[in-house]
Structure formats: C-alpha cells, structure tokens
Amino acid sequence: MAEDPNIVPKSAILQSVTAEANGFYGVIVTVASTFLGGSLLFLEKFTPAKSDLSIVVISVGWVSLVASIGCIARVRFMNLRSGKLALSDRFDEAKKIDSHTDLLSNWSPWLLIAGMSALVIVGILNFNQIGKSERKEQMSNQNDNRDGLKESLPYGSLQPSAPPPVQQAPQPSQRSPLSSPPQSDKK
C-alpha cells in the first residue's frame, strides 16, 4: 500500500513547530535584551530630568522586559522536562507541564510589549527635557568660551618686570652633581 502524499508525518509537524518556537523565543529574548541594554547604556541621555514619574515608568519597563526574558527561560526549561516525560510515555504529566508553558508563552510577548511601551513613554515624557538639557549645555559651553576671551590679555602686553637671572657656568674645580666621577686608567 502506497503512502498518501497529502498526509504529513507527525515527526515533520513536530520538527516544524519546534523550529517556529525556537525562532519565536529567540526574537522575544533578542528584542527584550536589546531594549533593556540600550536603555541602561544610554540612561543619562534617555532620562535627563529624573522625575518621579520617569523613574516609575522606566522601572516598570525594565521589570516587564526582565519578566519577558524570564518567561522564555522558564518555558525552554519546562519544554525539556515535558519532552523527557513524553519520551518515557508519561503523557498526562507532560500535558500538565505544557499547559503551564502555554500560559508563560502567552505572557511573554505581552510583557515585552509592555516593557517596550514603557520605555517609549519615558522617551516621550523626557523628549522636551532632552532638547532643553542639550541647549543648556551648549549655552554654558558658549558662555565659558566668551568668559575666557574677556579675561585674556592682548598679545604682546606681557612684559617681564625684571630681567631673568643669568646663570653662570660651573668652575672647572667644581663638579656638578650630574657628572660622573673621573675614571682611572689601570691597564
């Protein structure tokens, strides 16, 4: 009896689902890590006016991103346990684990979205302050340069008040401290 070409073996379906899940988990972890790392790296540029609201919102964002990464880590770990149970024909126990991992898999993208949104909100809240702080810094740099010009003296106005002291050459009988002692020629 020939196999029907329209029937797909379960192993092919499992392999496809596993590859898709791996890609999904990779995207969640990569995006969450990127947002978390970028916001930590550029924190001073990101939140120049550290208001209470900005600190709360950025904290919610960071906790959400870390929780999203944690959900994926837990799902991956639990999938290993579920697979071991299924290989030993303990399908009821594996099914309980799978229902738990399904819940975590659903929470992970929502936590990622919440974390990214919180960081975007912090950026929007501080957008006006970012421009103000950069303008203040530029103005202070320009004022510092102008103050330096006001205090500078015109070229050639400095004249020595007394002639510089004349150094005398050391006398031949005096040894300078830097010269080496005379060496005798013993052959």
C-alpha atoms as a PDB file:
ATOM      1  CA  MET A   1       0.000   0.000   0.000  1.00  0.00           C
ATOM      2  CA  ALA A   2       1.479   3.344  -1.080  1.00  0.00           C
ATOM      3  CA  GLU A   3       1.636   6.270   1.270  1.00  0.00           C
ATOM      4  CA  ASP A   4      -0.691   9.163   0.586  1.00  0.00           C
ATOM      5  CA  PRO A   5       1.354  12.277  -0.413  1.00  0.00           C
ATOM      6  CA  ASN A   6      -1.241  14.525   1.253  1.00  0.00           C
ATOM      7  CA  ILE A   7      -0.581  13.064   4.701  1.00  0.00           C
ATOM      8  CA  VAL A   8       2.230  14.711   6.632  1.00  0.00           C
ATOM      9  CA  PRO A   9       4.025  12.617   9.230  1.00  0.00           C
ATOM     10  CA  LYS A  10       3.797  13.745  12.849  1.00  0.00           C
ATOM     11  CA  SER A  11       7.586  13.978  13.082  1.00  0.00           C
ATOM     12  CA  ALA A  12       7.633  16.612  10.313  1.00  0.00           C
ATOM     13  CA  ILE A  13       4.929  18.623  12.096  1.00  0.00           C
ATOM     14  CA  LEU A  14       6.830  18.377  15.383  1.00  0.00           C
ATOM     15  CA  GLN A  15      10.041  19.499  13.689  1.00  0.00           C
ATOM     16  CA  SER A  16       8.260  22.484  12.099  1.00  0.00           C
ATOM     17  CA  VAL A  17       6.616  23.502  15.391  1.00  0.00           C
ATOM     18  CA  THR A  18       9.940  23.191  17.216  1.00  0.00           C
ATOM     19  CA  ALA A  19      11.709  25.385  14.657  1.00  0.00           C
ATOM     20  CA  GLU A  20       8.973  28.041  14.845  1.00  0.00           C
ATOM     21  CA  ALA A  21       9.001  28.010  18.654  1.00  0.00           C
ATOM     22  CA  ASN A  22      12.777  28.381  18.663  1.00  0.00           C
ATOM     23  CA  GLY A  23      12.536  31.400  16.340  1.00  0.00           C
ATOM     24  CA  PHE A  24       9.737  32.921  18.454  1.00  0.00           C
ATOM     25  CA  TYR A  25      11.710  32.520  21.667  1.00  0.00           C
ATOM     26  CA  GLY A  26      14.821  33.933  20.034  1.00  0.00           C
ATOM     27  CA  VAL A  27      13.003  37.042  18.820  1.00  0.00           C
ATOM     28  CA  ILE A  28      11.460  37.728  22.239  1.00  0.00           C
ATOM     29  CA  VAL A  29      14.772  37.368  24.073  1.00  0.00           C
ATOM     30  CA  THR A  30      16.724  39.398  21.494  1.00  0.00           C
ATOM     31  CA  VAL A  31      14.293  42.311  21.397  1.00  0.00           C
ATOM     32  CA  ALA A  32      13.845  42.403  25.189  1.00  0.00           C
ATOM     33  CA  SER A  33      17.608  42.259  25.765  1.00  0.00           C
ATOM     34  CA  THR A  34      18.238  44.990  23.207  1.00  0.00           C
ATOM     35  CA  PHE A  35      15.700  47.362  24.749  1.00  0.00           C
ATOM     36  CA  LEU A  36      16.920  46.613  28.260  1.00  0.00           C
ATOM     37  CA  GLY A  37      20.602  47.017  27.399  1.00  0.00           C
ATOM     38  CA  GLY A  38      20.065  50.131  25.295  1.00  0.00           C
ATOM     39  CA  SER A  39      18.037  51.873  27.978  1.00  0.00           C
ATOM     40  CA  LEU A  40      20.647  51.043  30.616  1.00  0.00           C
ATOM     41  CA  LEU A  41      23.535  52.120  28.402  1.00  0.00           C
ATOM     42  CA  PHE A  42      22.010  55.448  27.431  1.00  0.00           C
ATOM     43  CA  LEU A  43      20.195  56.127  30.715  1.00  0.00           C
ATOM     44  CA  GLU A  44      21.620  59.635  31.162  1.00  0.00           C
ATOM     45  CA  LYS A  45      20.643  60.658  27.638  1.00  0.00           C
ATOM     46  CA  PHE A  46      17.335  58.836  27.915  1.00  0.00           C
ATOM     47  CA  THR A  47      16.166  60.418  31.170  1.00  0.00           C
ATOM     48  CA  PRO A  48      17.952  63.747  31.730  1.00  0.00           C
ATOM     49  CA  ALA A  49      15.201  65.047  34.016  1.00  0.00           C
ATOM     50  CA  LYS A  50      14.887  62.249  36.536  1.00  0.00           C
ATOM     51  CA  SER A  51      11.343  62.932  37.694  1.00  0.00           C
ATOM     52  CA  ASP A  52       9.434  60.507  39.899  1.00  0.00           C
ATOM     53  CA  LEU A  53       7.113  59.611  37.031  1.00  0.00           C
ATOM     54  CA  SER A  54      10.031  58.841  34.705  1.00  0.00           C
ATOM     55  CA  ILE A  55      11.692  56.621  37.306  1.00  0.00           C
ATOM     56  CA  VAL A  56       8.462  54.689  37.937  1.00  0.00           C
ATOM     57  CA  VAL A  57       7.697  54.199  34.254  1.00  0.00           C
ATOM     58  CA  ILE A  58      11.257  53.146  33.352  1.00  0.00           C
ATOM     59  CA  SER A  59      11.250  50.721  36.303  1.00  0.00           C
ATOM     60  CA  VAL A  60       8.008  49.164  35.072  1.00  0.00           C
ATOM     61  CA  GLY A  61       9.579  48.843  31.632  1.00  0.00           C
ATOM     62  CA  TRP A  62      12.714  47.158  32.953  1.00  0.00           C
ATOM     63  CA  VAL A  63      10.747  44.747  35.164  1.00  0.00           C
ATOM     64  CA  SER A  64       8.496  43.854  32.216  1.00  0.00           C
ATOM     65  CA  LEU A  65      11.449  43.190  29.933  1.00  0.00           C
ATOM     66  CA  VAL A  66      13.232  41.048  32.521  1.00  0.00           C
ATOM     67  CA  ALA A  67       9.982  39.152  33.210  1.00  0.00           C
ATOM     68  CA  SER A  68       9.563  38.507  29.490  1.00  0.00           C
ATOM     69  CA  ILE A  69      13.065  37.057  29.270  1.00  0.00           C
ATOM     70  CA  GLY A  70      12.390  35.048  32.440  1.00  0.00           C
ATOM     71  CA  CYS A  71       9.182  33.606  30.973  1.00  0.00           C
ATOM     72  CA  ILE A  72      11.055  32.385  27.917  1.00  0.00           C
ATOM     73  CA  ALA A  73      13.821  30.883  30.033  1.00  0.00           C
ATOM     74  CA  ARG A  74      11.222  29.021  32.115  1.00  0.00           C
ATOM     75  CA  VAL A  75       9.362  27.828  29.007  1.00  0.00           C
ATOM     76  CA  ARG A  76      12.567  26.432  27.498  1.00  0.00           C
ATOM     77  CA  PHE A  77      13.427  24.637  30.735  1.00  0.00           C
ATOM     78  CA  MET A  78       9.917  23.215  31.123  1.00  0.00           C
ATOM     79  CA  ASN A  79       9.862  22.073  27.490  1.00  0.00           C
ATOM     80  CA  LEU A  80      12.909  19.923  28.237  1.00  0.00           C
ATOM     81  CA  ARG A  81      11.088  18.305  31.171  1.00  0.00           C
ATOM     82  CA  SER A  82       7.942  17.786  29.116  1.00  0.00           C
ATOM     83  CA  GLY A  83       9.941  16.141  26.345  1.00  0.00           C
ATOM     84  CA  LYS A  84      11.619  13.746  28.790  1.00  0.00           C
ATOM     85  CA  LEU A  85       8.249  12.799  30.259  1.00  0.00           C
ATOM     86  CA  ALA A  86       6.755  12.239  26.810  1.00  0.00           C
ATOM     87  CA  LEU A  87       9.687  10.012  25.828  1.00  0.00           C
ATOM     88  CA  SER A  88       9.024   7.847  28.877  1.00  0.00           C
ATOM     89  CA  ASP A  89       5.300   7.608  27.915  1.00  0.00           C
ATOM     90  CA  ARG A  90       4.119   9.794  30.812  1.00  0.00           C
ATOM     91  CA  PHE A  91       1.845  11.919  28.651  1.00  0.00           C
ATOM     92  CA  ASP A  92      -0.524  13.118  31.396  1.00  0.00           C
ATOM     93  CA  GLU A  93       2.344  14.710  33.337  1.00  0.00           C
ATOM     94  CA  ALA A  94       3.783  16.196  30.138  1.00  0.00           C
ATOM     95  CA  LYS A  95       0.369  17.671  29.305  1.00  0.00           C
ATOM     96  CA  LYS A  96       0.247  19.470  32.691  1.00  0.00           C
ATOM     97  CA  ILE A  97       3.660  20.995  32.022  1.00  0.00           C
ATOM     98  CA  ASP A  98       2.600  22.006  28.514  1.00  0.00           C
ATOM     99  CA  SER A  99      -0.451  23.887  29.833  1.00  0.00           C
ATOM    100  CA  HIS A 100       1.884  25.819  32.178  1.00  0.00           C
ATOM    101  CA  THR A 101       4.314  26.625  29.358  1.00  0.00           C
ATOM    102  CA  ASP A 102       1.426  27.733  27.135  1.00  0.00           C
ATOM    103  CA  LEU A 103       0.486  30.295  29.782  1.00  0.00           C
ATOM    104  CA  LEU A 104       4.069  31.583  30.020  1.00  0.00           C
ATOM    105  CA  SER A 105       4.398  31.659  26.228  1.00  0.00           C
ATOM    106  CA  ASN A 106       1.302  33.873  26.054  1.00  0.00           C
ATOM    107  CA  TRP A 107       2.536  36.211  28.802  1.00  0.00           C
ATOM    108  CA  SER A 108       5.993  36.718  27.329  1.00  0.00           C
ATOM    109  CA  PRO A 109       5.070  38.804  24.242  1.00  0.00           C
ATOM    110  CA  TRP A 110       2.644  40.909  26.309  1.00  0.00           C
ATOM    111  CA  LEU A 111       5.350  41.638  28.865  1.00  0.00           C
ATOM    112  CA  LEU A 112       7.718  42.516  26.005  1.00  0.00           C
ATOM    113  CA  ILE A 113       5.169  44.927  24.534  1.00  0.00           C
ATOM    114  CA  ALA A 114       4.543  46.485  27.970  1.00  0.00           C
ATOM    115  CA  GLY A 115       8.283  46.945  28.571  1.00  0.00           C
ATOM    116  CA  MET A 116       8.944  48.473  25.169  1.00  0.00           C
ATOM    117  CA  SER A 117       5.916  50.748  25.539  1.00  0.00           C
ATOM    118  CA  ALA A 118       7.068  51.946  28.953  1.00  0.00           C
ATOM    119  CA  LEU A 119      10.497  52.843  27.580  1.00  0.00           C
ATOM    120  CA  VAL A 120       8.908  54.694  24.667  1.00  0.00           C
ATOM    121  CA  ILE A 121       6.661  56.581  27.108  1.00  0.00           C
ATOM    122  CA  VAL A 122       9.714  57.586  29.169  1.00  0.00           C
ATOM    123  CA  GLY A 123      11.353  58.833  25.990  1.00  0.00           C
ATOM    124  CA  ILE A 124       8.275  60.853  25.095  1.00  0.00           C
ATOM    125  CA  LEU A 125       7.979  62.263  28.634  1.00  0.00           C
ATOM    126  CA  ASN A 126      11.603  63.370  28.552  1.00  0.00           C
ATOM    127  CA  PHE A 127      11.710  64.484  24.906  1.00  0.00           C
ATOM    128  CA  ASN A 128      11.166  68.107  25.841  1.00  0.00           C
ATOM    129  CA  GLN A 129      13.797  67.877  28.590  1.00  0.00           C
ATOM    130  CA  ILE A 130      16.336  66.258  26.258  1.00  0.00           C
ATOM    131  CA  GLY A 131      16.235  69.293  23.981  1.00  0.00           C
ATOM    132  CA  LYS A 132      16.401  71.699  26.931  1.00  0.00           C
ATOM    133  CA  SER A 133      19.390  69.992  28.546  1.00  0.00           C
ATOM    134  CA  GLU A 134      21.326  69.926  25.275  1.00  0.00           C
ATOM    135  CA  ARG A 135      20.562  73.603  24.704  1.00  0.00           C
ATOM    136  CA  LYS A 136      21.636  74.460  28.275  1.00  0.00           C
ATOM    137  CA  GLU A 137      24.879  72.556  27.787  1.00  0.00           C
ATOM    138  CA  GLN A 138      25.605  74.328  24.500  1.00  0.00           C
ATOM    139  CA  MET A 139      24.820  77.712  26.038  1.00  0.00           C
ATOM    140  CA  SER A 140      27.060  77.056  29.041  1.00  0.00           C
ATOM    141  CA  ASN A 141      29.883  75.964  26.734  1.00  0.00           C
ATOM    142  CA  GLN A 142      29.478  79.143  24.686  1.00  0.00           C
ATOM    143  CA  ASN A 143      29.388  81.295  27.831  1.00  0.00           C
ATOM    144  CA  ASP A 144      32.531  79.622  29.158  1.00  0.00           C
ATOM    145  CA  ASN A 145      34.333  80.387  25.900  1.00  0.00           C
ATOM    146  CA  ARG A 146      33.223  84.030  25.972  1.00  0.00           C
ATOM    147  CA  ASP A 147      34.296  84.432  29.604  1.00  0.00           C
ATOM    148  CA  GLY A 148      37.710  83.103  28.712  1.00  0.00           C
ATOM    149  CA  LEU A 149      38.022  85.673  25.933  1.00  0.00           C
ATOM    150  CA  LYS A 150      37.100  88.525  28.270  1.00  0.00           C
ATOM    151  CA  GLU A 151      39.826  87.556  30.700  1.00  0.00           C
ATOM    152  CA  SER A 152      42.575  87.016  28.136  1.00  0.00           C
ATOM    153  CA  LEU A 153      45.285  89.596  27.610  1.00  0.00           C
ATOM    154  CA  PRO A 154      46.185  91.041  24.235  1.00  0.00           C
ATOM    155  CA  TYR A 155      49.229  89.623  22.503  1.00  0.00           C
ATOM    156  CA  GLY A 156      52.496  91.312  23.493  1.00  0.00           C
ATOM    157  CA  SER A 157      51.104  93.037  26.576  1.00  0.00           C
ATOM    158  CA  LEU A 158      53.061  90.883  28.987  1.00  0.00           C
ATOM    159  CA  GLN A 159      56.486  92.344  29.684  1.00  0.00           C
ATOM    160  CA  PRO A 160      58.885  90.913  32.221  1.00  0.00           C
ATOM    161  CA  SER A 161      59.244  93.143  35.282  1.00  0.00           C
ATOM    162  CA  ALA A 162      62.876  92.249  35.862  1.00  0.00           C
ATOM    163  CA  PRO A 163      65.473  90.704  33.603  1.00  0.00           C
ATOM    164  CA  PRO A 164      65.815  86.941  34.049  1.00  0.00           C
ATOM    165  CA  PRO A 165      68.721  85.814  36.265  1.00  0.00           C
ATOM    166  CA  VAL A 166      71.915  84.974  34.408  1.00  0.00           C
ATOM    167  CA  GLN A 167      73.283  81.520  35.034  1.00  0.00           C
ATOM    168  CA  GLN A 168      76.983  81.207  35.494  1.00  0.00           C
ATOM    169  CA  ALA A 169      78.970  78.365  34.074  1.00  0.00           C
ATOM    170  CA  PRO A 170      80.383  75.989  36.728  1.00  0.00           C
ATOM    171  CA  GLN A 171      84.021  76.455  37.628  1.00  0.00           C
ATOM    172  CA  PRO A 172      86.377  73.694  36.478  1.00  0.00           C
ATOM    173  CA  SER A 173      87.283  72.799  40.061  1.00  0.00           C
ATOM    174  CA  GLN A 174      83.628  72.290  40.974  1.00  0.00           C
ATOM    175  CA  ARG A 175      81.940  69.098  39.988  1.00  0.00           C
ATOM    176  CA  SER A 176      78.373  69.219  39.004  1.00  0.00           C
ATOM    177  CA  PRO A 177      76.196  66.620  40.724  1.00  0.00           C
ATOM    178  CA  LEU A 178      75.178  65.102  37.416  1.00  0.00           C
ATOM    179  CA  SER A 179      78.677  64.429  36.125  1.00  0.00           C
ATOM    180  CA  SER A 180      80.271  61.027  36.656  1.00  0.00           C
ATOM    181  CA  PRO A 181      83.427  60.633  38.777  1.00  0.00           C
ATOM    182  CA  PRO A 182      86.728  60.522  36.890  1.00  0.00           C
ATOM    183  CA  GLN A 183      87.844  57.047  35.978  1.00  0.00           C
ATOM    184  CA  SER A 184      91.436  55.946  36.296  1.00  0.00           C
ATOM    185  CA  ASP A 185      93.219  54.125  33.547  1.00  0.00           C
ATOM    186  CA  LYS A 186      94.634  50.991  35.098  1.00  0.00           C
ATOM    187  CA  LYS A 187      95.974  48.630  32.474  1.00  0.00           C
END
